[in-house]
Amino acid sequence: MSLFVFLIPVFYINRRLKFTINKTLFTSIIRMCVQLGFVGIYLKYLFKFNSPVLNTIYLLIMISIACQSIIRSSNLKVKLFFIPVFFSLLIPFTIILIFFNGVVVRIDNLFEAKYLIPIGGMLLGNCLRSIIIGLNNFYSGIKKDEKVYLYSISIFNSRIQALKPYFTQSFLAAITPTIASMATIGLVSLPGMMTGQILEGSIPIVAIKYQIAIMLSIFYTEYFSTMLSVLFSLKVGFSELDVLNQDIFISKG
């Protein structure tokens, strides 16, 4: 709690430089503390009951909240994109999570709360940024260059060929930060999971093995969920004539 003292110079500098973020920053910090407080309370009981049904429901709620955050941050309409994004997250998330718990950690109960919820949270949390970048770049890029896109359709006579440059650009932009992070991990940063295990007394080499496993799991989940989010959303994003639907975007007005 003593770290809150550093907020004083931060707020002061923001005010002096006329950065209008103090209110947003204060609200975000309060929300973080309140939300984490509630998480600590209900996770205590979730771990105590350790019901596979309750654990699964909680994960589905986490995915639903993540979907809404992703879609809104991508300036797209939730009611149109919720189902495509939900399943683009659910499919790779479920496969990787079960594989991690069953093959890597080798727990008997794949729905053990103390493994299922934290690992699931790490996978989902890291997917948010990638899918937001992927969806936002894909649809905003086409909207910006719609005439070029329509011209490409007239040349290739195929929506797939016309969309390929936008898909490639947005997909690479989405996963490049994670690839860069993996390339510098251990040299530039020590990840939270590895640090936590070492602080708890684990042998460093064991902590490293689990960190490699979780980083690969995060990358696989990001990779496939980002790809599927674009592919699954094409049906709502375009008309039958392969024209971009303008009503999928949130009105900035």
Protein backbone atom coordinates (compact mmCIF):
# COMPACT_ATOMS: atom_id res chain seq x y z
CA MET A 1 0.00 0.00 0.00
CA SER A 2 2.98 2.30 0.53
CA LEU A 3 3.42 2.47 -3.26
CA PHE A 4 0.40 4.79 -3.41
CA VAL A 5 2.68 7.59 -2.19
CA PHE A 6 4.17 7.84 -5.70
CA LEU A 7 0.77 8.90 -7.00
CA ILE A 8 1.32 12.32 -5.44
CA PRO A 9 4.13 13.38 -7.82
CA VAL A 10 2.35 11.70 -10.72
CA PHE A 11 -0.85 13.69 -10.12
CA TYR A 12 1.16 16.86 -9.55
CA ILE A 13 3.14 16.50 -12.81
CA ASN A 14 -0.01 15.70 -14.77
CA ARG A 15 -1.68 18.82 -13.40
CA ARG A 16 1.29 21.07 -14.08
CA LEU A 17 1.68 19.77 -17.63
CA LYS A 18 -2.09 19.94 -18.12
CA PHE A 19 -2.42 16.24 -18.87
CA THR A 20 -6.13 15.54 -18.52
CA ILE A 21 -5.69 12.01 -17.23
CA ASN A 22 -5.80 12.47 -13.45
CA LYS A 23 -9.49 11.68 -13.16
CA THR A 24 -9.22 8.66 -15.44
CA LEU A 25 -6.08 7.46 -13.64
CA PHE A 26 -7.69 7.83 -10.22
CA THR A 27 -10.84 6.03 -11.35
CA SER A 28 -8.82 3.21 -12.90
CA ILE A 29 -6.76 2.68 -9.75
CA ILE A 30 -9.87 2.65 -7.55
CA ARG A 31 -11.58 0.18 -9.90
CA MET A 32 -8.48 -2.02 -9.92
CA CYS A 33 -8.35 -2.16 -6.12
CA VAL A 34 -12.09 -2.79 -5.73
CA GLN A 35 -12.21 -5.43 -8.47
CA LEU A 36 -9.16 -7.27 -7.15
CA GLY A 37 -10.65 -7.12 -3.66
CA PHE A 38 -13.83 -8.79 -4.89
CA VAL A 39 -11.76 -11.31 -6.88
CA GLY A 40 -9.90 -12.26 -3.72
CA ILE A 41 -13.17 -12.80 -1.87
CA TYR A 42 -15.04 -14.91 -4.40
CA LEU A 43 -11.97 -16.85 -5.52
CA LYS A 44 -11.58 -17.94 -1.90
CA TYR A 45 -15.01 -19.58 -2.03
CA LEU A 46 -14.53 -20.76 -5.63
CA PHE A 47 -11.39 -22.63 -4.58
CA LYS A 48 -13.16 -23.95 -1.49
CA PHE A 49 -16.11 -25.47 -3.37
CA ASN A 50 -13.95 -26.44 -6.37
CA SER A 51 -16.98 -27.37 -8.45
CA PRO A 52 -16.27 -28.18 -12.12
CA VAL A 53 -19.61 -26.61 -13.08
CA LEU A 54 -18.97 -23.38 -11.15
CA ASN A 55 -15.40 -23.19 -12.45
CA THR A 56 -16.58 -23.62 -16.05
CA ILE A 57 -19.31 -21.00 -15.62
CA TYR A 58 -16.76 -18.58 -14.18
CA LEU A 59 -14.46 -19.11 -17.17
CA LEU A 60 -17.35 -18.51 -19.58
CA ILE A 61 -18.15 -15.28 -17.77
CA MET A 62 -14.49 -14.26 -18.07
CA ILE A 63 -14.56 -14.97 -21.81
CA SER A 64 -17.82 -13.01 -22.23
CA ILE A 65 -16.41 -9.96 -20.44
CA ALA A 66 -13.21 -10.21 -22.48
CA CYS A 67 -15.25 -10.33 -25.70
CA GLN A 68 -17.16 -7.17 -24.85
CA SER A 69 -13.93 -5.36 -23.98
CA ILE A 70 -12.27 -6.50 -27.21
CA ILE A 71 -15.15 -5.47 -29.45
CA ARG A 72 -15.67 -2.06 -27.84
CA SER A 73 -11.94 -1.32 -27.96
CA SER A 74 -11.98 -2.24 -31.66
CA ASN A 75 -14.74 0.36 -32.27
CA LEU A 76 -17.12 -2.35 -33.42
CA LYS A 77 -20.68 -3.13 -32.33
CA VAL A 78 -20.93 -5.74 -29.60
CA LYS A 79 -24.28 -7.16 -30.72
CA LEU A 80 -22.87 -8.01 -34.15
CA PHE A 81 -19.43 -9.31 -33.21
CA PHE A 82 -20.02 -10.96 -29.84
CA ILE A 83 -20.70 -14.49 -31.12
CA PRO A 84 -17.81 -14.59 -33.65
CA VAL A 85 -15.31 -13.22 -31.14
CA PHE A 86 -16.66 -15.43 -28.34
CA PHE A 87 -16.07 -18.64 -30.28
CA SER A 88 -12.75 -17.41 -31.69
CA LEU A 89 -11.60 -17.12 -28.06
CA LEU A 90 -13.39 -20.18 -26.67
CA ILE A 91 -12.01 -22.77 -29.11
CA PRO A 92 -8.22 -22.19 -28.85
CA PHE A 93 -8.52 -21.12 -25.20
CA THR A 94 -10.21 -24.39 -24.21
CA ILE A 95 -7.81 -26.59 -26.17
CA ILE A 96 -4.65 -24.90 -24.87
CA LEU A 97 -5.91 -24.66 -21.29
CA ILE A 98 -6.87 -28.34 -21.08
CA PHE A 99 -3.60 -29.38 -22.74
CA PHE A 100 -1.58 -27.23 -20.32
CA ASN A 101 -3.30 -28.61 -17.24
CA GLY A 102 -3.41 -32.20 -18.47
CA VAL A 103 -0.04 -32.60 -20.20
CA VAL A 104 2.23 -29.88 -18.81
CA VAL A 105 1.08 -29.60 -15.18
CA ARG A 106 -0.33 -33.16 -15.20
CA ILE A 107 -3.07 -32.62 -12.68
CA ASP A 108 -5.65 -35.36 -12.11
CA ASN A 109 -8.62 -33.00 -12.09
CA LEU A 110 -8.48 -30.82 -15.21
CA PHE A 111 -11.08 -28.51 -13.66
CA GLU A 112 -9.12 -27.90 -10.45
CA ALA A 113 -9.95 -24.28 -9.58
CA LYS A 114 -6.50 -23.24 -8.36
CA TYR A 115 -5.04 -24.20 -11.75
CA LEU A 116 -7.96 -23.59 -14.10
CA ILE A 117 -8.78 -20.01 -13.08
CA PRO A 118 -5.27 -18.45 -12.80
CA ILE A 119 -3.93 -20.09 -15.97
CA GLY A 120 -7.14 -19.25 -17.81
CA GLY A 121 -6.86 -15.66 -16.65
CA MET A 122 -3.29 -15.39 -17.96
CA LEU A 123 -4.29 -16.77 -21.36
CA LEU A 124 -7.30 -14.46 -21.70
CA GLY A 125 -5.54 -11.37 -20.41
CA ASN A 126 -2.76 -11.67 -22.96
CA CYS A 127 -5.18 -12.35 -25.82
CA LEU A 128 -7.02 -9.06 -25.37
CA ARG A 129 -4.35 -6.85 -26.88
CA SER A 130 -3.69 -9.11 -29.87
CA ILE A 131 -7.33 -9.52 -30.89
CA ILE A 132 -8.02 -5.79 -30.45
CA ILE A 133 -5.08 -4.90 -32.69
CA GLY A 134 -6.07 -7.55 -35.23
CA LEU A 135 -9.75 -6.62 -35.52
CA ASN A 136 -9.19 -2.87 -35.32
CA ASN A 137 -6.45 -2.80 -37.95
CA PHE A 138 -8.33 -5.16 -40.26
CA TYR A 139 -11.64 -3.32 -40.39
CA SER A 140 -10.30 0.22 -40.05
CA GLY A 141 -7.78 -0.52 -42.82
CA ILE A 142 -10.48 -1.70 -45.19
CA LYS A 143 -12.73 1.22 -44.27
CA LYS A 144 -9.91 3.66 -44.97
CA ASP A 145 -8.99 2.06 -48.30
CA GLU A 146 -12.44 0.88 -49.32
CA LYS A 147 -12.02 2.03 -52.93
CA VAL A 148 -8.75 0.14 -53.20
CA TYR A 149 -10.44 -2.93 -51.69
CA LEU A 150 -13.36 -2.77 -54.16
CA TYR A 151 -10.92 -2.32 -57.02
CA SER A 152 -9.04 -5.43 -55.83
CA ILE A 153 -12.28 -7.41 -55.90
CA SER A 154 -12.90 -6.32 -59.49
CA ILE A 155 -9.40 -7.50 -60.44
CA PHE A 156 -9.20 -10.78 -58.52
CA ASN A 157 -12.96 -11.49 -58.56
CA SER A 158 -12.41 -12.99 -55.11
CA ARG A 159 -12.98 -11.54 -51.66
CA ILE A 160 -10.28 -13.78 -50.20
CA GLN A 161 -7.60 -12.38 -52.50
CA ALA A 162 -8.77 -8.82 -51.93
CA LEU A 163 -8.74 -9.23 -48.15
CA LYS A 164 -5.39 -11.01 -47.95
CA PRO A 165 -3.19 -7.87 -47.68
CA TYR A 166 -5.37 -6.40 -44.91
CA PHE A 167 -5.50 -9.72 -43.06
CA THR A 168 -1.73 -10.19 -43.29
CA GLN A 169 -0.97 -6.67 -42.10
CA SER A 170 -3.40 -6.74 -39.17
CA PHE A 171 -2.45 -10.27 -38.09
CA LEU A 172 1.29 -9.56 -38.07
CA ALA A 173 0.72 -6.32 -36.16
CA ALA A 174 -1.27 -8.28 -33.56
CA ILE A 175 1.24 -11.04 -32.85
CA THR A 176 4.52 -9.17 -33.37
CA PRO A 177 4.59 -7.69 -29.80
CA THR A 178 4.32 -11.17 -28.29
CA ILE A 179 7.06 -12.52 -30.55
CA ALA A 180 9.28 -9.57 -29.55
CA SER A 181 8.48 -10.21 -25.89
CA MET A 182 9.50 -13.87 -26.20
CA ALA A 183 12.75 -12.86 -27.90
CA THR A 184 13.78 -10.59 -25.00
CA ILE A 185 12.34 -12.50 -22.04
CA GLY A 186 14.98 -13.30 -19.44
CA LEU A 187 17.29 -10.57 -20.77
CA VAL A 188 15.04 -7.52 -20.58
CA SER A 189 12.35 -8.80 -18.24
CA LEU A 190 11.62 -11.56 -15.75
CA PRO A 191 7.98 -12.67 -16.14
CA GLY A 192 5.53 -12.65 -13.26
CA MET A 193 4.87 -16.40 -13.14
CA MET A 194 8.57 -17.25 -13.01
CA THR A 195 9.31 -14.54 -10.43
CA GLY A 196 6.40 -15.68 -8.26
CA GLN A 197 7.59 -19.28 -8.26
CA ILE A 198 11.14 -18.26 -7.37
CA LEU A 199 9.90 -16.06 -4.52
CA GLU A 200 7.87 -19.03 -3.27
CA GLY A 201 11.05 -21.11 -3.11
CA SER A 202 10.92 -23.08 -6.37
CA ILE A 203 14.15 -24.09 -8.05
CA PRO A 204 14.90 -21.53 -10.82
CA ILE A 205 15.21 -24.19 -13.54
CA VAL A 206 11.73 -25.52 -12.68
CA ALA A 207 10.29 -22.00 -12.70
CA ILE A 208 11.92 -21.42 -16.09
CA LYS A 209 10.38 -24.59 -17.55
CA TYR A 210 6.90 -23.54 -16.46
CA GLN A 211 7.46 -20.01 -17.75
CA ILE A 212 8.45 -21.34 -21.17
CA ALA A 213 5.34 -23.51 -21.16
CA ILE A 214 3.01 -20.64 -20.24
CA MET A 215 4.61 -18.28 -22.78
CA LEU A 216 4.13 -20.83 -25.55
CA SER A 217 0.55 -21.43 -24.40
CA ILE A 218 -0.13 -17.69 -24.44
CA PHE A 219 1.35 -17.37 -27.93
CA TYR A 220 -0.65 -20.28 -29.32
CA THR A 221 -3.88 -18.93 -27.84
CA GLU A 222 -3.17 -15.43 -29.17
CA TYR A 223 -2.18 -16.75 -32.59
CA PHE A 224 -5.27 -18.86 -33.22
CA SER A 225 -7.80 -16.62 -31.47
CA THR A 226 -6.63 -13.55 -33.41
CA MET A 227 -6.78 -15.43 -36.70
CA LEU A 228 -10.20 -16.93 -35.96
CA SER A 229 -11.63 -13.61 -34.73
CA VAL A 230 -11.10 -12.10 -38.16
CA LEU A 231 -12.22 -15.17 -40.10
CA PHE A 232 -15.34 -15.77 -37.98
CA SER A 233 -16.36 -12.11 -38.24
CA LEU A 234 -16.30 -11.92 -42.04
CA LYS A 235 -19.93 -12.97 -42.31
CA VAL A 236 -21.17 -10.00 -40.26
CA GLY A 237 -18.47 -7.64 -41.51
CA PHE A 238 -19.37 -7.88 -45.19
CA SER A 239 -22.53 -8.04 -47.26
CA GLU A 240 -23.39 -10.80 -49.70
CA LEU A 241 -21.86 -8.61 -52.41
CA ASP A 242 -18.54 -8.55 -50.52
CA VAL A 243 -18.99 -4.88 -49.59
CA LEU A 244 -17.92 -3.74 -46.12
CA ASN A 245 -20.93 -3.20 -43.82
CA GLN A 246 -20.69 0.38 -42.59
CA ASP A 247 -23.11 -0.22 -39.72
CA ILE A 248 -20.66 -2.49 -37.88
CA PHE A 249 -18.71 0.48 -36.53
CA ILE A 250 -19.50 2.35 -33.34
CA SER A 251 -20.55 5.89 -34.15
CA LYS A 252 -18.01 8.32 -32.69
CA GLY A 253 -20.69 10.95 -32.50
